[in-house]
N, C-alpha and C. Protein backbone atom coordinates (compact mmCIF):
# COMPACT_ATOMS: atom_id res chain seq x y z
N MET A 1 -0.11 14.30 115.22
CA MET A 1 0.30 16.27 114.10
C MET A 1 -1.04 16.69 113.26
N SER A 2 -1.35 17.93 113.89
CA SER A 2 -2.28 18.35 113.08
C SER A 2 -2.61 18.90 112.09
N THR A 3 -2.81 19.20 111.02
CA THR A 3 -3.20 18.88 109.66
C THR A 3 -1.84 19.70 109.06
N GLY A 4 -1.30 20.73 109.55
CA GLY A 4 -0.70 21.68 109.26
C GLY A 4 0.90 21.73 109.53
N ALA A 5 1.23 20.75 110.54
CA ALA A 5 2.14 20.74 110.54
C ALA A 5 3.14 19.55 109.61
N LYS A 6 4.79 19.90 109.36
CA LYS A 6 5.30 19.54 108.70
C LYS A 6 5.70 17.66 109.35
N SER A 7 5.72 16.93 108.45
CA SER A 7 5.89 15.64 108.45
C SER A 7 7.34 15.84 108.46
N LEU A 8 7.82 14.37 109.24
CA LEU A 8 9.40 14.30 109.94
C LEU A 8 9.95 14.40 108.51
N TRP A 9 9.83 14.01 107.23
CA TRP A 9 10.58 14.02 105.73
C TRP A 9 10.70 15.50 105.78
N GLU A 10 9.55 16.35 105.63
CA GLU A 10 9.27 17.69 105.41
C GLU A 10 10.60 18.58 106.02
N LEU A 11 10.65 18.22 107.48
CA LEU A 11 11.85 18.99 108.88
C LEU A 11 13.08 17.92 108.28
N LEU A 12 13.39 16.83 107.76
CA LEU A 12 14.46 16.57 107.84
C LEU A 12 15.10 17.39 106.10
N TRP A 13 14.67 17.28 105.07
CA TRP A 13 14.64 18.48 104.10
C TRP A 13 14.91 19.72 104.92
N ASP A 14 14.27 20.79 105.24
CA ASP A 14 14.07 21.89 105.91
C ASP A 14 15.62 21.74 106.43
N TYR A 15 16.02 21.19 107.11
CA TYR A 15 16.71 21.31 108.08
C TYR A 15 18.63 20.24 108.05
N ASP A 16 18.62 19.84 106.54
CA ASP A 16 19.39 19.21 106.36
C ASP A 16 20.34 19.99 105.76
N PRO A 17 21.68 19.62 106.15
CA PRO A 17 22.55 20.68 105.95
C PRO A 17 23.38 21.00 105.17
N ASN A 18 23.28 19.93 104.22
CA ASN A 18 23.90 19.68 102.57
C ASN A 18 22.26 20.40 101.80
N GLY A 19 22.88 20.52 100.94
CA GLY A 19 21.89 21.49 99.90
C GLY A 19 21.69 20.03 98.63
N LEU A 20 20.41 20.29 98.79
CA LEU A 20 19.72 19.56 98.17
C LEU A 20 18.89 20.33 96.93
N ILE A 21 18.49 19.87 96.07
CA ILE A 21 18.02 20.38 94.80
C ILE A 21 17.26 19.15 93.50
N VAL A 22 16.60 19.22 93.63
CA VAL A 22 15.44 18.43 92.53
C VAL A 22 15.14 18.98 90.95
N VAL A 23 15.63 18.17 90.19
CA VAL A 23 15.09 18.56 88.63
C VAL A 23 14.65 17.62 88.06
N ASP A 24 13.37 18.32 87.11
CA ASP A 24 12.72 17.65 86.14
C ASP A 24 13.47 17.09 85.12
N PRO A 25 13.47 16.12 84.13
CA PRO A 25 14.36 15.72 82.89
C PRO A 25 14.79 16.71 81.97
N ASP A 26 13.52 17.81 81.91
CA ASP A 26 13.87 19.06 81.23
C ASP A 26 15.14 19.74 82.12
N MET A 27 15.33 19.77 83.11
CA MET A 27 16.60 20.29 83.78
C MET A 27 16.43 21.57 83.94
N ASN A 28 14.63 21.98 84.66
CA ASN A 28 14.41 22.46 85.28
C ASN A 28 14.33 22.31 86.96
N ILE A 29 14.22 23.29 87.24
CA ILE A 29 14.21 22.86 89.23
C ILE A 29 13.12 22.16 89.20
N ARG A 30 13.05 21.86 90.08
CA ARG A 30 11.46 21.52 90.75
C ARG A 30 11.62 22.00 92.50
N GLU A 31 12.54 21.79 93.21
CA GLU A 31 12.72 21.79 94.91
C GLU A 31 13.90 22.32 95.21
N VAL A 32 14.29 23.35 96.06
CA VAL A 32 15.91 23.12 96.80
C VAL A 32 15.14 23.49 98.75
N ASN A 33 16.23 23.31 98.83
CA ASN A 33 15.82 23.33 100.67
C ASN A 33 16.54 24.18 100.92
N ASN A 34 16.65 24.44 102.39
CA ASN A 34 16.78 25.80 102.84
C ASN A 34 18.93 26.33 102.45
N ALA A 35 19.00 25.15 103.07
CA ALA A 35 20.81 24.91 102.83
C ALA A 35 21.06 25.05 100.96
N PHE A 36 20.84 25.00 99.68
CA PHE A 36 20.43 25.49 99.23
C PHE A 36 21.07 26.69 98.52
N CYS A 37 19.49 26.89 98.70
CA CYS A 37 19.49 28.21 99.27
C CYS A 37 20.42 29.10 99.21
N ARG A 38 20.79 28.94 100.59
CA ARG A 38 22.67 29.64 100.88
C ARG A 38 23.54 29.46 100.48
N MET A 39 23.73 28.34 100.05
CA MET A 39 24.96 28.22 99.57
C MET A 39 25.11 29.35 98.07
N PHE A 40 23.82 29.02 97.52
CA PHE A 40 24.29 29.66 96.08
C PHE A 40 23.42 30.89 95.80
N ASN A 41 22.79 31.56 97.32
CA ASN A 41 22.19 32.78 97.17
C ASN A 41 21.03 33.18 96.48
N VAL A 42 19.90 31.79 96.42
CA VAL A 42 19.12 32.75 95.73
C VAL A 42 18.16 32.32 97.14
N ASP A 43 16.74 32.71 96.39
CA ASP A 43 15.54 32.50 96.64
C ASP A 43 14.34 32.04 96.30
N LYS A 44 14.44 30.25 97.85
CA LYS A 44 13.29 29.28 97.46
C LYS A 44 11.89 30.09 96.75
N ALA A 45 11.31 30.77 97.29
CA ALA A 45 10.01 31.11 96.86
C ALA A 45 9.98 31.58 95.37
N THR A 46 11.03 32.05 94.22
CA THR A 46 11.53 32.04 93.10
C THR A 46 11.81 31.39 92.24
N ILE A 47 12.41 30.79 92.50
CA ILE A 47 13.25 29.13 91.84
C ILE A 47 12.66 28.35 91.30
N ALA A 48 11.93 28.11 91.82
CA ALA A 48 10.92 26.76 91.09
C ALA A 48 10.50 26.75 89.60
N GLY A 49 10.88 25.95 88.77
CA GLY A 49 10.58 26.37 87.81
C GLY A 49 11.64 27.06 86.86
N THR A 50 12.73 27.05 87.09
CA THR A 50 14.13 28.45 86.46
C THR A 50 15.04 26.97 85.85
N PRO A 51 15.22 27.20 84.90
CA PRO A 51 16.51 26.20 84.15
C PRO A 51 17.46 25.86 85.88
N ALA A 52 18.14 24.89 86.12
CA ALA A 52 18.85 24.71 86.50
C ALA A 52 20.18 25.24 86.37
N VAL A 53 20.59 25.24 85.23
CA VAL A 53 21.57 25.69 83.81
C VAL A 53 21.75 27.25 84.81
N ASP A 54 20.85 27.81 85.29
CA ASP A 54 20.89 29.51 85.13
C ASP A 54 22.07 29.07 86.58
N ILE A 55 21.93 28.39 87.40
CA ILE A 55 22.18 28.94 88.78
C ILE A 55 23.86 27.79 89.07
N LEU A 56 23.61 26.46 88.29
CA LEU A 56 24.67 25.49 88.69
C LEU A 56 25.25 25.54 86.98
N LYS A 57 25.69 26.35 86.15
CA LYS A 57 25.98 26.17 84.64
C LYS A 57 26.07 25.24 83.89
N ASP A 58 26.69 23.84 84.76
CA ASP A 58 27.06 22.55 83.95
C ASP A 58 25.93 21.74 84.86
N VAL A 59 24.87 21.33 83.57
CA VAL A 59 23.85 19.86 84.10
C VAL A 59 24.30 18.47 84.06
N SER A 60 25.63 18.63 82.97
CA SER A 60 25.75 16.89 82.63
C SER A 60 25.25 16.07 83.71
N GLU A 61 26.10 16.10 84.43
CA GLU A 61 25.71 14.79 85.43
C GLU A 61 24.24 14.12 85.41
N PHE A 62 23.44 16.06 86.13
CA PHE A 62 22.06 15.26 86.03
C PHE A 62 21.27 14.76 84.81
N ARG A 63 21.88 15.52 83.35
CA ARG A 63 21.36 14.24 82.22
C ARG A 63 21.80 13.17 82.80
N GLU A 64 23.43 12.47 82.25
CA GLU A 64 23.80 11.14 82.74
C GLU A 64 23.22 10.40 83.49
N THR A 65 22.66 11.04 85.13
CA THR A 65 21.84 9.90 86.03
C THR A 65 20.72 10.29 85.34
N TRP A 66 20.05 10.96 84.68
CA TRP A 66 18.71 10.40 84.16
C TRP A 66 18.62 9.27 83.05
N GLU A 67 19.83 9.15 82.38
CA GLU A 67 19.92 8.35 80.99
C GLU A 67 20.25 6.98 81.75
N ASN A 68 20.65 7.07 82.53
CA ASN A 68 21.94 5.66 83.61
C ASN A 68 21.42 5.57 84.14
N GLY A 69 20.27 6.20 84.85
CA GLY A 69 19.57 5.81 85.95
C GLY A 69 20.13 5.00 87.45
N THR A 70 21.62 5.84 87.54
CA THR A 70 22.05 4.98 88.55
C THR A 70 22.70 5.82 89.46
N VAL A 71 22.58 5.39 90.62
CA VAL A 71 23.35 6.61 91.84
C VAL A 71 24.61 6.98 90.81
N ALA A 72 25.28 8.66 91.38
CA ALA A 72 26.22 8.86 90.59
C ALA A 72 27.05 9.16 91.48
N THR A 73 28.40 9.63 92.43
CA THR A 73 28.96 10.41 93.12
C THR A 73 29.91 11.64 91.67
N GLY A 74 29.35 12.70 92.10
CA GLY A 74 30.32 13.69 90.95
C GLY A 74 31.59 14.15 91.77
N ASP A 75 32.51 13.95 91.03
CA ASP A 75 33.72 14.72 91.71
C ASP A 75 33.12 16.29 92.69
N GLY A 76 34.55 16.93 93.66
CA GLY A 76 34.82 17.75 93.62
C GLY A 76 34.62 18.96 92.91
N THR A 77 33.06 19.70 93.18
CA THR A 77 33.00 20.85 92.48
C THR A 77 33.25 21.92 92.96
N HIS A 78 33.48 23.39 92.01
CA HIS A 78 34.22 24.53 92.66
C HIS A 78 33.55 25.80 92.27
N TYR A 79 32.29 25.90 92.88
CA TYR A 79 31.55 27.35 92.02
C TYR A 79 32.50 28.58 92.19
N GLU A 80 32.75 29.16 91.46
CA GLU A 80 33.81 30.37 91.53
C GLU A 80 32.97 31.39 91.96
N GLU A 81 31.58 31.44 91.26
CA GLU A 81 31.28 32.73 91.43
C GLU A 81 30.75 32.57 93.52
N GLN A 82 30.74 31.73 93.88
CA GLN A 82 30.53 31.55 95.19
C GLN A 82 30.88 31.06 96.64
N ASP A 83 32.45 31.08 95.52
CA ASP A 83 34.01 30.34 96.86
C ASP A 83 32.89 29.60 97.34
N LEU A 84 32.16 28.31 96.37
CA LEU A 84 32.17 27.08 96.97
C LEU A 84 32.93 25.81 96.48
N TYR A 85 33.05 24.73 97.07
CA TYR A 85 33.24 23.54 97.22
C TYR A 85 32.53 22.55 97.66
N VAL A 86 32.17 22.12 96.84
CA VAL A 86 30.86 21.16 96.98
C VAL A 86 31.55 19.61 96.01
N ARG A 87 31.31 18.65 97.25
CA ARG A 87 30.42 16.61 96.57
C ARG A 87 29.42 16.58 96.78
N LYS A 88 28.69 15.70 95.65
CA LYS A 88 27.60 15.26 95.23
C LYS A 88 27.58 14.27 94.88
N VAL A 89 26.29 13.97 94.85
CA VAL A 89 25.55 12.84 94.48
C VAL A 89 24.55 13.07 94.15
N PHE A 90 24.25 11.61 92.94
CA PHE A 90 23.04 11.98 92.49
C PHE A 90 22.28 11.08 91.82
N PHE A 91 20.91 10.69 91.63
CA PHE A 91 20.47 9.54 92.10
C PHE A 91 18.75 10.27 91.36
N SER A 92 18.22 9.82 90.78
CA SER A 92 16.85 9.62 89.60
C SER A 92 15.60 8.51 90.20
N ILE A 93 14.45 9.24 90.07
CA ILE A 93 13.30 8.07 90.20
C ILE A 93 12.62 8.62 89.66
N LYS A 94 12.71 6.97 88.60
CA LYS A 94 11.95 7.45 87.19
C LYS A 94 10.59 7.41 87.45
N GLU A 95 10.13 7.02 87.93
CA GLU A 95 8.61 7.07 88.19
C GLU A 95 8.16 8.89 88.46
N GLU A 96 8.64 9.28 89.15
CA GLU A 96 8.42 10.67 89.43
C GLU A 96 8.97 11.24 89.10
N ARG A 97 9.80 11.45 87.84
CA ARG A 97 10.35 11.86 86.36
C ARG A 97 11.24 13.46 87.24
N ILE A 98 12.12 12.62 87.96
CA ILE A 98 13.02 13.86 88.54
C ILE A 98 14.43 13.40 89.11
N ILE A 99 15.64 13.66 89.47
CA ILE A 99 16.68 13.75 89.24
C ILE A 99 17.06 14.57 90.69
N ALA A 100 17.51 14.17 91.33
CA ALA A 100 18.29 14.59 92.73
C ALA A 100 19.78 14.44 93.12
N CYS A 101 19.78 15.85 93.48
CA CYS A 101 21.53 16.31 94.01
C CYS A 101 21.25 16.45 95.13
N ILE A 102 22.59 16.31 95.68
CA ILE A 102 22.90 15.70 96.96
C ILE A 102 24.06 16.24 97.59
N MET A 103 24.49 17.95 97.99
CA MET A 103 25.83 18.64 97.73
C MET A 103 26.03 18.98 99.40
N VAL A 104 27.46 18.43 99.74
CA VAL A 104 28.09 18.23 100.82
C VAL A 104 28.98 19.30 100.34
N ASP A 105 28.84 20.75 101.52
CA ASP A 105 29.74 21.85 101.90
C ASP A 105 31.16 21.51 102.30
N LEU A 106 32.39 21.36 100.90
CA LEU A 106 33.93 21.06 101.56
C LEU A 106 34.46 22.24 101.88
N THR A 107 33.74 23.15 101.25
CA THR A 107 34.47 24.81 101.97
C THR A 107 35.42 25.17 102.42
N HIS A 108 35.01 24.56 103.97
CA HIS A 108 35.28 24.98 105.18
C HIS A 108 37.13 23.60 104.76
N GLU A 109 36.75 22.67 104.56
CA GLU A 109 37.85 21.54 104.19
C GLU A 109 38.97 21.95 103.35
N GLN A 110 38.23 22.42 102.35
CA GLN A 110 39.44 22.57 100.69
C GLN A 110 40.24 23.79 101.51
N ARG A 111 39.68 25.10 102.09
CA ARG A 111 40.59 26.23 102.59
C ARG A 111 41.36 25.56 103.55
N GLU A 112 41.28 24.79 104.47
CA GLU A 112 42.37 24.52 104.97
C GLU A 112 43.21 23.57 104.57
N ILE A 113 42.96 22.66 103.48
CA ILE A 113 43.91 22.12 102.23
C ILE A 113 45.05 22.52 101.32
N ILE A 114 43.78 24.12 100.89
CA ILE A 114 44.74 24.67 100.35
C ILE A 114 46.05 26.05 101.53
N LYS A 115 45.38 26.34 102.36
CA LYS A 115 46.26 27.09 103.43
C LYS A 115 47.17 25.60 103.76
N MET A 116 46.94 24.66 104.60
CA MET A 116 48.05 23.48 104.57
C MET A 116 49.19 24.04 103.75
N ARG A 117 48.91 23.46 101.59
CA ARG A 117 49.58 23.48 100.89
C ARG A 117 50.10 24.69 101.03
N LYS A 118 49.77 25.67 101.38
CA LYS A 118 51.08 26.88 101.34
C LYS A 118 51.96 27.11 102.47
N ARG A 119 51.34 27.17 103.65
CA ARG A 119 51.94 26.84 103.98
C ARG A 119 53.85 26.02 104.54
N THR A 120 53.16 24.70 103.95
CA THR A 120 54.23 23.72 103.13
C THR A 120 55.16 24.33 102.17
N ILE A 121 54.71 25.07 101.20
CA ILE A 121 56.02 25.23 100.40
C ILE A 121 56.35 25.97 101.16
N GLU A 122 56.17 26.90 101.55
CA GLU A 122 56.82 28.24 102.78
C GLU A 122 57.66 27.35 103.36
N LYS A 123 57.56 26.80 104.14
CA LYS A 123 58.91 24.93 104.47
C LYS A 123 59.17 24.85 103.44
N VAL A 124 58.98 24.51 102.83
CA VAL A 124 60.34 23.83 101.34
C VAL A 124 60.86 24.69 101.37
N HIS A 125 60.38 25.45 101.06
CA HIS A 125 61.54 26.82 100.82
C HIS A 125 62.51 27.56 101.71
N GLU A 126 62.34 27.59 102.71
CA GLU A 126 62.64 27.83 104.04
C GLU A 126 64.27 26.75 104.02
N VAL A 127 63.51 25.79 103.90
CA VAL A 127 64.99 23.92 104.40
C VAL A 127 65.35 24.58 103.08
N VAL A 128 65.47 25.20 101.99
CA VAL A 128 65.81 25.24 100.83
C VAL A 128 67.19 26.38 101.01
N ASP A 129 66.09 27.34 101.55
CA ASP A 129 67.15 28.65 101.73
C ASP A 129 68.40 28.29 102.88
N ASN A 130 68.36 27.63 104.14
CA ASN A 130 68.84 27.13 105.54
C ASN A 130 70.32 26.26 104.82
N GLN A 131 70.01 24.87 103.82
CA GLN A 131 70.64 24.24 103.11
C GLN A 131 71.24 24.87 102.39
N MET A 132 71.06 25.86 101.34
CA MET A 132 71.91 27.34 100.79
C MET A 132 72.78 27.79 100.88
N LYS A 133 72.29 28.63 102.13
CA LYS A 133 73.15 29.11 103.61
C LYS A 133 74.34 28.60 104.42
N VAL A 134 74.35 26.97 104.93
CA VAL A 134 75.02 25.82 105.45
C VAL A 134 76.09 25.40 104.34
N ALA A 135 75.49 24.98 102.87
CA ALA A 135 76.59 25.18 101.91
C ALA A 135 77.45 26.19 101.79
N GLN A 136 77.26 27.45 101.35
CA GLN A 136 77.94 28.38 101.20
C GLN A 136 78.88 28.79 102.51
N GLU A 137 78.28 28.18 103.45
CA GLU A 137 79.34 28.59 104.91
C GLU A 137 80.37 27.32 104.71
N ILE A 138 80.13 25.72 104.14
CA ILE A 138 81.41 25.11 103.92
C ILE A 138 82.07 25.40 102.85
N ALA A 139 81.99 25.85 101.80
CA ALA A 139 82.48 26.10 101.22
C ALA A 139 83.30 27.42 101.42
N GLY A 140 83.14 28.20 101.81
CA GLY A 140 83.41 28.73 102.12
C GLY A 140 85.22 28.83 103.08
N LEU A 141 84.32 27.33 104.08
CA LEU A 141 85.72 27.35 105.00
C LEU A 141 86.39 25.99 104.25
N LEU A 142 85.84 24.99 103.73
CA LEU A 142 86.87 24.55 102.75
C LEU A 142 88.04 25.18 101.44
N GLY A 143 86.92 26.89 101.50
CA GLY A 143 88.35 27.60 100.14
C GLY A 143 89.25 28.19 101.08
N GLU A 144 88.95 28.41 102.52
CA GLU A 144 89.54 28.85 103.37
C GLU A 144 90.45 27.79 103.44
N ALA A 145 90.50 26.82 104.14
CA ALA A 145 90.81 26.11 104.59
C ALA A 145 92.46 25.22 103.22
N THR A 146 91.77 25.37 101.96
CA THR A 146 92.66 25.01 100.93
C THR A 146 93.60 25.90 100.61
N ALA A 147 93.40 27.00 100.59
CA ALA A 147 94.18 28.16 100.68
C ALA A 147 95.08 28.18 101.78
N GLU A 148 94.80 28.16 102.64
CA GLU A 148 96.03 28.15 104.04
C GLU A 148 96.70 26.80 103.59
N THR A 149 96.15 26.06 103.02
CA THR A 149 97.20 24.54 103.12
C THR A 149 97.94 24.97 101.50
N LYS A 150 97.73 25.38 100.81
CA LYS A 150 98.75 25.71 99.31
C LYS A 150 99.32 26.56 100.12
N ALA A 151 99.05 27.91 101.24
CA ALA A 151 100.26 28.55 101.82
C ALA A 151 100.99 27.85 102.23
N SER A 152 101.02 26.97 102.53
CA SER A 152 101.71 26.46 103.83
C SER A 152 102.09 25.40 102.69
N LEU A 153 101.79 24.92 102.07
CA LEU A 153 102.81 23.71 101.23
C LEU A 153 103.77 24.73 100.49
N LEU A 154 102.90 25.60 99.35
CA LEU A 154 104.50 26.57 99.21
C LEU A 154 105.38 27.31 100.27
N LYS A 155 105.30 27.27 101.32
CA LYS A 155 106.31 27.58 102.22
C LYS A 155 107.07 26.79 102.71
N LEU A 156 106.69 25.34 102.29
CA LEU A 156 107.07 24.48 102.82
C LEU A 156 108.26 23.82 101.88
N ILE A 157 107.69 24.04 100.47
CA ILE A 157 108.19 23.66 99.23
C ILE A 157 109.66 24.70 98.89
N GLN A 158 108.91 26.36 99.26
CA GLN A 158 110.49 26.62 99.00
C GLN A 158 111.47 26.76 100.42
N MET A 159 111.38 26.54 101.23
CA MET A 159 112.25 25.87 102.25
C MET A 159 113.15 24.39 101.82
N VAL A 160 112.47 23.83 101.55
CA VAL A 160 112.98 22.41 101.10
C VAL A 160 114.11 22.78 99.76
N GLU A 161 113.66 23.70 98.90
CA GLU A 161 114.53 24.71 97.89
C GLU A 161 115.10 25.18 98.13
N GLN A 162 115.43 26.11 98.76
CA GLN A 162 116.47 26.59 99.49
C GLN A 162 117.31 25.59 100.54
N GLU A 163 117.18 24.77 101.07
CA GLU A 163 117.56 23.67 101.45
C GLU A 163 118.61 23.00 100.59
N THR A 164 117.95 22.69 99.53
CA THR A 164 118.48 22.20 98.53
C THR A 164 119.98 22.75 97.29
N ALA A 165 118.91 24.24 97.31
CA ALA A 165 120.24 25.00 96.42
C ALA A 165 121.11 25.24 96.90
């Protein structure tokens, strides 16, 4: 490789489809990759040194990871402003004084889940409505049959009463 060529790790960093962000213990951004910039609509050239809280709003998981020194998996997070759903993995590298986060974009999957839930709710409403219609029809038929039976029984009673009178 020539001296100006990127290393394999730099290429992986640039091409990784997951958002990658590195912050220092003061929670200032040290580095981000292109996917992170797309996810949060930020400019890579101007973001270094800015407080991570300005973009992420909550950096408590970064602090926890730094204090505990363990790998942590965050719950799914929704960033409303970007309409972005991500699952996060945090780890710290104490000797480099950094905390890194990998953000896996789950937006498409989350939208599909929401659509599926809506369709399921619509189907449930449809089934309940159909069952109510059937129940009303059955009740109507039972009412008619009961009325016809009552009328026939009243006629029979009248006939029996006339014969005994």
